[in-house]
Amino acid sequence: MFDSSYQESFIPIIIISQYMSFRGFIAIDIKPTDEIKKFLEDLDKTKAKLKLVELENMHITLKFLGETQEEHIDKIIEIIENSIGNIKP
């Protein structure tokens, strides 16, 4: 049988993470050349339904991480640094 006194004393507990999340990705910043700028201008003229980034935010996405907790940033950086540590530019 269900103990009704339990129901009266039950207090729901909601745990909210102290960390915020963000849409993360690993990318390489690039400096847009005149050719890239011209290409983007021509692309914009097509009126295609595209979301172009501002030139100062131009980058190449290597890996989209999706929804990522801030608490994982240091570990992600550590993994990347360990993975590419011996690679020269």
Protein backbone atom coordinates (compact mmCIF):
# COMPACT_ATOMS: atom_id res chain seq x y z
CA MET A 1 0.00 0.00 0.00
CA PHE A 2 1.17 3.53 -0.75
CA ASP A 3 2.04 5.56 2.33
CA SER A 4 0.27 8.92 1.91
CA SER A 5 2.52 10.58 4.52
CA TYR A 6 5.43 10.01 2.14
CA GLN A 7 3.66 12.01 -0.55
CA GLU A 8 3.10 14.93 1.82
CA SER A 9 6.77 15.06 2.81
CA PHE A 10 8.13 14.59 -0.71
CA ILE A 11 9.97 17.67 -1.96
CA PRO A 12 11.15 17.55 -5.56
CA ILE A 13 14.81 18.43 -6.01
CA ILE A 14 15.91 19.99 -9.26
CA ILE A 15 19.62 20.03 -9.94
CA ILE A 16 20.76 22.78 -12.26
CA SER A 17 24.30 22.59 -13.59
CA GLN A 18 26.49 25.45 -12.50
CA TYR A 19 28.08 25.34 -15.93
CA MET A 20 26.69 26.93 -19.04
CA SER A 21 26.74 25.20 -22.39
CA PHE A 22 27.52 26.47 -25.86
CA ARG A 23 27.61 25.16 -29.41
CA GLY A 24 31.26 24.26 -29.72
CA PHE A 25 33.49 23.61 -32.67
CA ILE A 26 37.18 23.25 -33.44
CA ALA A 27 38.28 25.62 -36.19
CA ILE A 28 41.21 27.34 -37.82
CA ASP A 29 40.98 31.09 -38.32
CA ILE A 30 41.81 32.21 -41.84
CA LYS A 31 42.55 35.59 -43.33
CA PRO A 32 40.24 36.05 -46.32
CA THR A 33 42.08 36.78 -49.55
CA ASP A 34 40.77 39.14 -52.22
CA GLU A 35 39.61 36.07 -54.16
CA ILE A 36 37.61 34.79 -51.19
CA LYS A 37 36.08 38.24 -50.64
CA LYS A 38 35.05 38.42 -54.31
CA PHE A 39 33.61 34.89 -54.18
CA LEU A 40 31.54 35.77 -51.08
CA GLU A 41 30.27 38.98 -52.72
CA ASP A 42 29.21 37.01 -55.81
CA LEU A 43 27.62 34.34 -53.62
CA ASP A 44 25.69 36.98 -51.69
CA LYS A 45 24.30 38.39 -54.94
CA THR A 46 22.64 35.05 -55.73
CA LYS A 47 20.17 35.64 -52.88
CA ALA A 48 20.58 31.98 -51.92
CA LYS A 49 19.40 31.19 -48.40
CA LEU A 50 22.85 31.10 -46.84
CA LYS A 51 24.24 32.38 -43.59
CA LEU A 52 27.61 33.90 -44.38
CA VAL A 53 29.96 34.80 -41.56
CA GLU A 54 31.50 38.23 -41.24
CA LEU A 55 34.97 38.42 -42.81
CA GLU A 56 36.61 38.91 -39.41
CA ASN A 57 35.02 35.62 -38.27
CA MET A 58 36.15 33.62 -41.31
CA HIS A 59 37.33 30.14 -40.35
CA ILE A 60 37.48 26.53 -41.44
CA THR A 61 35.55 24.22 -39.13
CA LEU A 62 37.46 21.01 -38.48
CA LYS A 63 35.00 19.42 -36.07
CA PHE A 64 31.58 20.48 -34.84
CA LEU A 65 31.24 19.49 -31.18
CA GLY A 66 27.59 20.41 -30.74
CA GLU A 67 26.18 21.35 -27.35
CA THR A 68 29.23 21.46 -25.04
CA GLN A 69 29.48 22.15 -21.31
CA GLU A 70 31.88 24.93 -20.29
CA GLU A 71 33.35 22.60 -17.69
CA HIS A 72 34.86 20.52 -20.53
CA ILE A 73 36.78 23.38 -22.22
CA ASP A 74 40.09 22.76 -20.43
CA LYS A 75 39.98 19.03 -21.21
CA ILE A 76 39.15 19.69 -24.87
CA ILE A 77 42.09 22.11 -25.14
CA GLU A 78 44.40 19.58 -23.45
CA ILE A 79 43.36 16.83 -25.87
CA ILE A 80 43.89 19.07 -28.89
CA GLU A 81 47.30 20.26 -27.66
CA ASN A 82 48.40 16.66 -27.02
CA SER A 83 47.15 15.60 -30.44
CA ILE A 84 48.93 18.29 -32.45
CA GLY A 85 51.93 18.96 -30.22
CA ASN A 86 54.46 17.51 -32.67
CA ILE A 87 52.91 18.91 -35.84
CA LYS A 88 54.73 21.89 -37.32
CA PRO A 89 52.93 24.64 -39.24
